[in-house]
Amino acid sequence: MSFTLKLLNFYLRWFEKPQLARIDTVAEARSRFETQARRSFKSPPDSKYVDDVLRHDGASVPVLWASPESPDRRSVLMYFHGGAYTIGSVHTHKALVARLAGMAGVRGVLAEYRLAPEHPFPSAPDDALTSYMALIEAGYSPDRIAIAGDSAGGGLALSLLGTLSLRGLPMPACLVAFSPWTDLTLSGASIRTNANTEVTLPAERMEEISGRYLAGADPSDPRASPLFGITAPVSPVLIQASRTEILLDDAVRMAEALERSGSDVELELWPNTPHVWQIFQGRLPEADQALDRAAAFLRKHLPKDDAKT
């Protein structure tokens, strides 16, 4: 464990986690996350950000292109940010995506999917599908599209994979999920057994947060809980999670479900790292190491004969 990770875990456990346990309103949580992102998350020096809108079948989703200066423009990484379906934005995660896209040598794009409670389930999975299909309509071949996400966004990415499989739609090249939230029924034992070792997320608020997003919908709906939705082979998947986080079982059981479906899945469990530690890229050695492995996975599954433009 690096010295930086020890300091980060100390800060998260004794300052961030208590704050998250006490926050009363979604507005307060959103403002806090946006401020932290501006102060703490470091963009690569060659990153470039461009606002855009993706449209499909009468629906539209705002997006932010987050890429290095000279990416391969025929391949793209579509990213869904975390934040319990209620907070976070393309701006809280743009530095992470710019870094990962640059390491993989592709364009990165973040979808600004609608958030609860203003837009409860199934707004987020609807927007995810719109974004993906819009990329294909814009000329991206499915085998040149990779999907990724963290926490709720990781669950959303996996939910999209299940929807594509169910509807017989074109599959992306691969998927990367960081600490994905895959089971909104909250049946994973680690929500209880790792409540004390978890340094970021307050386990006692998970039911409240899930309910705010679902707004009465069935938590076992595969679009909300992809753990229950993938039964046939899908694109190759890489899952990275921490052994000490409360969503450990969401990652482990998702990997097991993917294996049972006949899919190619890689599960990496890291010791002593916080939930979605990859977001601290550029500052935390363990984050950079994890992104190195994720980028290698992306390069492995995206076409290797792309012409740079």
Protein backbone atom coordinates (compact mmCIF):
# COMPACT_ATOMS: atom_id res chain seq x y z
CA MET A 1 0.00 0.00 0.00
CA SER A 2 1.43 3.37 -0.99
CA PHE A 3 1.80 6.15 1.57
CA THR A 4 -0.59 8.23 -0.54
CA LEU A 5 -3.24 5.51 -0.28
CA LYS A 6 -2.84 5.39 3.51
CA LEU A 7 -3.40 9.14 3.71
CA LEU A 8 -6.37 8.98 1.33
CA ASN A 9 -8.03 6.19 3.31
CA PHE A 10 -7.55 8.16 6.53
CA TYR A 11 -9.13 11.27 5.02
CA LEU A 12 -12.04 9.39 3.48
CA ARG A 13 -12.81 7.38 6.63
CA TRP A 14 -12.68 10.24 9.12
CA PHE A 15 -13.86 13.19 7.03
CA GLU A 16 -15.65 12.17 3.81
CA LYS A 17 -17.67 9.17 5.02
CA PRO A 18 -19.14 11.05 8.03
CA GLN A 19 -20.10 13.92 5.73
CA LEU A 20 -21.88 11.55 3.34
CA ALA A 21 -23.71 9.99 6.28
CA ARG A 22 -24.98 13.41 7.40
CA ILE A 23 -25.88 15.15 4.13
CA ASP A 24 -29.60 15.92 4.09
CA THR A 25 -30.40 16.96 0.52
CA VAL A 26 -29.51 15.87 -2.99
CA ALA A 27 -28.69 19.48 -3.87
CA GLU A 28 -26.10 19.63 -1.10
CA ALA A 29 -24.57 16.31 -2.17
CA ARG A 30 -24.37 17.44 -5.80
CA SER A 31 -22.74 20.75 -4.94
CA ARG A 32 -20.20 19.06 -2.68
CA PHE A 33 -19.22 16.49 -5.32
CA GLU A 34 -18.84 19.10 -8.07
CA THR A 35 -16.63 21.25 -5.82
CA GLN A 36 -14.48 18.29 -4.82
CA ALA A 37 -14.04 17.28 -8.43
CA ARG A 38 -12.83 20.73 -9.45
CA ARG A 39 -10.34 20.78 -6.60
CA SER A 40 -9.14 17.19 -6.51
CA PHE A 41 -9.37 15.42 -9.87
CA LYS A 42 -6.46 16.17 -12.16
CA SER A 43 -6.93 16.41 -15.93
CA PRO A 44 -4.12 15.16 -18.18
CA PRO A 45 -2.16 18.05 -19.72
CA ASP A 46 -3.18 17.12 -23.29
CA SER A 47 -6.90 16.70 -22.58
CA LYS A 48 -9.57 18.41 -24.63
CA TYR A 49 -13.25 18.79 -23.69
CA VAL A 50 -16.10 19.51 -26.12
CA ASP A 51 -19.84 19.66 -25.36
CA ASP A 52 -22.18 17.86 -27.75
CA VAL A 53 -25.59 16.17 -27.98
CA LEU A 54 -26.27 12.60 -29.12
CA ARG A 55 -29.69 11.89 -30.69
CA HIS A 56 -31.55 8.69 -31.49
CA ASP A 57 -35.19 7.93 -32.26
CA GLY A 58 -36.47 11.33 -31.13
CA ALA A 59 -34.52 11.32 -27.83
CA SER A 60 -31.36 13.25 -27.03
CA VAL A 61 -28.63 13.06 -24.39
CA PRO A 62 -26.06 15.81 -23.68
CA VAL A 63 -22.50 14.50 -23.74
CA LEU A 64 -18.97 15.72 -23.17
CA TRP A 65 -16.14 14.53 -25.37
CA ALA A 66 -13.07 14.06 -23.16
CA SER A 67 -10.06 13.00 -25.16
CA PRO A 68 -6.34 13.48 -25.67
CA GLU A 69 -5.33 15.87 -28.43
CA SER A 70 -4.72 13.18 -31.07
CA PRO A 71 -6.82 10.10 -30.38
CA ASP A 72 -7.83 7.38 -32.78
CA ARG A 73 -11.07 8.92 -34.01
CA ARG A 74 -12.58 5.68 -35.28
CA SER A 75 -12.78 4.11 -31.82
CA VAL A 76 -14.59 5.54 -28.81
CA LEU A 77 -14.97 4.90 -25.09
CA MET A 78 -18.47 5.74 -23.84
CA TYR A 79 -18.48 6.37 -20.08
CA PHE A 80 -21.30 6.51 -17.51
CA HIS A 81 -20.37 8.39 -14.33
CA GLY A 82 -21.09 7.22 -10.81
CA GLY A 83 -23.03 8.98 -8.08
CA ALA A 84 -25.84 6.67 -6.93
CA TYR A 85 -28.00 7.79 -9.87
CA THR A 86 -28.58 11.08 -8.03
CA ILE A 87 -25.31 13.06 -8.13
CA GLY A 88 -22.23 13.39 -10.33
CA SER A 89 -21.95 14.68 -13.86
CA VAL A 90 -19.77 14.64 -16.94
CA HIS A 91 -17.64 17.26 -15.18
CA THR A 92 -16.96 15.25 -12.01
CA HIS A 93 -15.57 12.39 -14.13
CA LYS A 94 -14.12 14.10 -17.18
CA ALA A 95 -10.52 13.94 -15.92
CA LEU A 96 -10.77 10.20 -15.31
CA VAL A 97 -12.23 9.58 -18.77
CA ALA A 98 -9.71 11.81 -20.53
CA ARG A 99 -6.90 9.87 -18.81
CA LEU A 100 -8.31 6.43 -19.60
CA ALA A 101 -9.19 7.34 -23.19
CA GLY A 102 -5.70 8.74 -23.70
CA MET A 103 -4.07 5.61 -22.32
CA ALA A 104 -6.23 3.47 -24.62
CA GLY A 105 -5.57 5.77 -27.59
CA VAL A 106 -9.26 6.45 -28.34
CA ARG A 107 -11.85 9.22 -28.04
CA GLY A 108 -13.74 9.41 -24.76
CA VAL A 109 -17.32 10.57 -24.35
CA LEU A 110 -19.36 10.94 -21.16
CA ALA A 111 -23.16 10.74 -21.21
CA GLU A 112 -25.06 13.25 -19.05
CA TYR A 113 -27.86 10.83 -18.28
CA ARG A 114 -30.84 12.09 -16.28
CA LEU A 115 -30.66 11.84 -12.50
CA ALA A 116 -33.12 11.01 -9.75
CA PRO A 117 -35.15 12.15 -7.93
CA GLU A 118 -36.22 14.49 -10.73
CA HIS A 119 -35.91 11.66 -13.26
CA PRO A 120 -36.20 8.29 -11.50
CA PHE A 121 -35.76 4.84 -13.02
CA PRO A 122 -35.88 3.99 -15.93
CA SER A 123 -34.64 7.40 -17.17
CA ALA A 124 -30.96 6.47 -16.75
CA PRO A 125 -31.07 3.17 -18.68
CA ASP A 126 -33.21 4.81 -21.36
CA ASP A 127 -30.56 7.52 -21.79
CA ALA A 128 -27.76 4.94 -21.83
CA LEU A 129 -29.42 3.07 -24.69
CA THR A 130 -30.09 6.33 -26.56
CA SER A 131 -26.43 7.35 -26.22
CA TYR A 132 -25.10 4.02 -27.46
CA MET A 133 -27.45 3.76 -30.43
CA ALA A 134 -26.71 7.39 -31.33
CA LEU A 135 -22.99 6.59 -31.55
CA ILE A 136 -23.74 3.80 -34.00
CA GLU A 137 -25.95 6.14 -36.04
CA ALA A 138 -23.13 8.68 -36.01
CA GLY A 139 -20.95 6.16 -37.83
CA TYR A 140 -19.11 4.27 -35.09
CA SER A 141 -18.95 0.55 -35.72
CA PRO A 142 -20.03 -1.41 -32.61
CA ASP A 143 -16.72 -3.27 -32.57
CA ARG A 144 -15.01 0.13 -32.18
CA ILE A 145 -17.16 1.17 -29.20
CA ALA A 146 -16.10 0.33 -25.64
CA ILE A 147 -18.34 1.04 -22.66
CA ALA A 148 -17.24 1.86 -19.13
CA GLY A 149 -18.57 3.24 -15.87
CA ASP A 150 -18.07 3.38 -12.14
CA SER A 151 -20.34 2.61 -9.18
CA ALA A 152 -23.91 3.33 -10.35
CA GLY A 153 -22.47 4.15 -13.76
CA GLY A 154 -20.79 0.75 -13.83
CA GLY A 155 -24.13 -0.85 -13.08
CA LEU A 156 -25.70 1.28 -15.79
CA ALA A 157 -23.09 0.13 -18.31
CA LEU A 158 -23.76 -3.51 -17.44
CA SER A 159 -27.50 -2.88 -17.60
CA LEU A 160 -27.02 -1.53 -21.12
CA LEU A 161 -25.13 -4.69 -22.07
CA GLY A 162 -28.03 -6.80 -20.82
CA THR A 163 -30.56 -4.70 -22.75
CA LEU A 164 -28.57 -5.03 -25.97
CA SER A 165 -28.41 -8.79 -25.49
CA LEU A 166 -32.13 -9.09 -24.76
CA ARG A 167 -33.11 -7.03 -27.81
CA GLY A 168 -30.61 -8.62 -30.17
CA LEU A 169 -28.88 -5.28 -30.79
CA PRO A 170 -25.21 -4.91 -31.80
CA MET A 171 -22.78 -5.49 -28.96
CA PRO A 172 -19.84 -3.19 -28.14
CA ALA A 173 -16.26 -4.39 -28.26
CA CYS A 174 -15.93 -4.65 -24.48
CA LEU A 175 -16.89 -3.14 -21.13
CA VAL A 176 -14.95 -1.91 -18.09
CA ALA A 177 -16.67 -1.45 -14.70
CA PHE A 178 -15.09 0.13 -11.63
CA SER A 179 -16.76 -0.91 -8.32
CA PRO A 180 -20.12 -1.44 -10.08
CA TRP A 181 -23.42 -1.26 -8.20
CA THR A 182 -25.20 -4.23 -9.75
CA ASP A 183 -27.84 -5.24 -7.19
CA LEU A 184 -30.35 -2.67 -6.00
CA THR A 185 -32.11 -5.32 -3.92
CA LEU A 186 -29.11 -4.85 -1.60
CA SER A 187 -28.78 -8.59 -1.03
CA GLY A 188 -24.98 -8.65 -1.15
CA ALA A 189 -23.53 -9.74 2.19
CA SER A 190 -20.60 -7.31 1.91
CA ILE A 191 -22.96 -4.35 2.45
CA ARG A 192 -23.05 -5.57 6.04
CA THR A 193 -19.75 -7.42 6.47
CA ASN A 194 -17.67 -4.60 4.95
CA ALA A 195 -19.58 -1.73 6.55
CA ASN A 196 -16.61 -0.97 8.82
CA THR A 197 -13.78 -1.57 6.34
CA GLU A 198 -15.51 0.63 3.72
CA VAL A 199 -13.88 4.07 3.95
CA THR A 200 -16.23 6.05 1.69
CA LEU A 201 -19.84 4.85 1.45
CA PRO A 202 -22.12 4.81 4.53
CA ALA A 203 -23.85 1.43 4.36
CA GLU A 204 -26.76 2.65 6.47
CA ARG A 205 -27.93 4.96 3.67
CA MET A 206 -27.95 2.44 0.82
CA GLU A 207 -31.64 1.56 1.15
CA GLU A 208 -32.62 5.23 1.15
CA ILE A 209 -30.51 5.94 -1.94
CA SER A 210 -31.81 2.92 -3.82
CA GLY A 211 -35.38 3.91 -3.04
CA ARG A 212 -34.84 7.46 -4.22
CA TYR A 213 -33.74 6.21 -7.63
CA LEU A 214 -36.29 3.41 -8.01
CA ALA A 215 -39.29 5.47 -6.82
CA GLY A 216 -41.34 2.33 -6.27
CA ALA A 217 -40.02 0.28 -9.18
CA ASP A 218 -38.95 -3.32 -8.70
CA PRO A 219 -35.30 -3.37 -7.54
CA SER A 220 -34.79 -6.73 -9.24
CA ASP A 221 -35.67 -5.31 -12.67
CA PRO A 222 -32.60 -6.20 -14.79
CA ARG A 223 -32.35 -2.62 -16.06
CA ALA A 224 -31.84 -1.52 -12.44
CA SER A 225 -29.94 -4.58 -11.23
CA PRO A 226 -27.90 -6.11 -14.07
CA LEU A 227 -26.90 -8.93 -11.73
CA PHE A 228 -30.24 -10.49 -12.65
CA GLY A 229 -30.30 -9.61 -16.33
CA ILE A 230 -27.44 -11.21 -18.27
CA THR A 231 -28.07 -14.85 -19.12
CA ALA A 232 -26.54 -15.14 -22.62
CA PRO A 233 -22.97 -14.41 -23.78
CA VAL A 234 -22.15 -10.71 -24.02
CA SER A 235 -19.05 -8.63 -24.77
CA PRO A 236 -15.86 -9.21 -22.74
CA VAL A 237 -16.00 -7.49 -19.35
CA LEU A 238 -13.34 -6.28 -16.92
CA ILE A 239 -14.47 -5.56 -13.35
CA GLN A 240 -12.22 -3.88 -10.80
CA ALA A 241 -13.34 -3.61 -7.18
CA SER A 242 -11.90 -3.31 -3.69
CA ARG A 243 -11.89 -6.19 -1.24
CA THR A 244 -12.82 -3.78 1.56
CA GLU A 245 -15.76 -1.91 -0.02
CA ILE A 246 -19.43 -2.60 0.65
CA LEU A 247 -20.10 -3.29 -3.05
CA LEU A 248 -17.55 -6.12 -3.16
CA ASP A 249 -20.26 -8.77 -3.52
CA ASP A 250 -21.93 -6.78 -6.30
CA ALA A 251 -18.71 -7.14 -8.28
CA VAL A 252 -18.01 -10.78 -7.36
CA ARG A 253 -21.53 -12.03 -8.04
CA MET A 254 -21.72 -10.05 -11.31
CA ALA A 255 -18.54 -11.74 -12.48
CA GLU A 256 -19.99 -15.13 -11.52
CA ALA A 257 -23.21 -14.37 -13.42
CA LEU A 258 -21.22 -13.37 -16.50
CA GLU A 259 -19.23 -16.59 -16.30
CA ARG A 260 -22.44 -18.61 -16.08
CA SER A 261 -23.75 -16.81 -19.18
CA GLY A 262 -20.70 -17.95 -21.15
CA SER A 263 -19.19 -14.47 -21.31
CA ASP A 264 -15.50 -13.61 -21.09
CA VAL A 265 -15.00 -11.81 -17.76
CA GLU A 266 -11.96 -10.68 -15.78
CA LEU A 267 -12.39 -9.80 -12.10
CA GLU A 268 -9.68 -7.86 -10.28
CA LEU A 269 -10.02 -7.45 -6.52
CA TRP A 270 -7.64 -4.91 -5.01
CA PRO A 271 -6.66 -4.75 -1.32
CA ASN A 272 -7.28 -1.69 0.86
CA THR A 273 -8.42 0.61 -1.93
CA PRO A 274 -11.50 2.86 -1.56
CA HIS A 275 -14.64 2.67 -3.65
CA VAL A 276 -13.77 3.84 -7.22
CA TRP A 277 -10.18 4.65 -6.31
CA GLN A 278 -9.45 5.02 -10.05
CA ILE A 279 -10.94 8.51 -9.95
CA PHE A 280 -7.83 9.70 -8.06
CA GLN A 281 -5.69 9.10 -11.17
CA GLY A 282 -2.65 11.29 -11.48
CA ARG A 283 -2.35 11.52 -7.70
CA LEU A 284 -2.70 7.95 -6.39
CA PRO A 285 -0.27 5.23 -7.58
CA GLU A 286 -2.88 2.48 -7.17
CA ALA A 287 -5.31 4.45 -9.35
CA ASP A 288 -2.76 4.80 -12.14
CA GLN A 289 -1.91 1.10 -11.89
CA ALA A 290 -5.58 0.14 -12.16
CA LEU A 291 -6.07 2.40 -15.19
CA ASP A 292 -2.98 0.86 -16.81
CA ARG A 293 -4.68 -2.52 -16.60
CA ALA A 294 -8.03 -1.16 -17.79
CA ALA A 295 -6.40 0.56 -20.76
CA ALA A 296 -4.58 -2.65 -21.70
CA PHE A 297 -7.94 -4.46 -21.61
CA LEU A 298 -9.47 -1.84 -23.91
CA ARG A 299 -6.56 -2.01 -26.36
CA LYS A 300 -6.80 -5.80 -26.39
CA HIS A 301 -10.44 -5.81 -27.46
CA LEU A 302 -10.63 -2.76 -29.75
CA PRO A 303 -9.37 -3.09 -33.34
CA LYS A 304 -5.62 -2.73 -33.66
CA ASP A 305 -5.52 -1.53 -37.29
CA ASP A 306 -7.09 1.90 -36.69
CA ALA A 307 -5.81 4.74 -38.82
CA LYS A 308 -4.95 7.78 -36.72
CA THR A 309 -6.45 11.05 -37.96
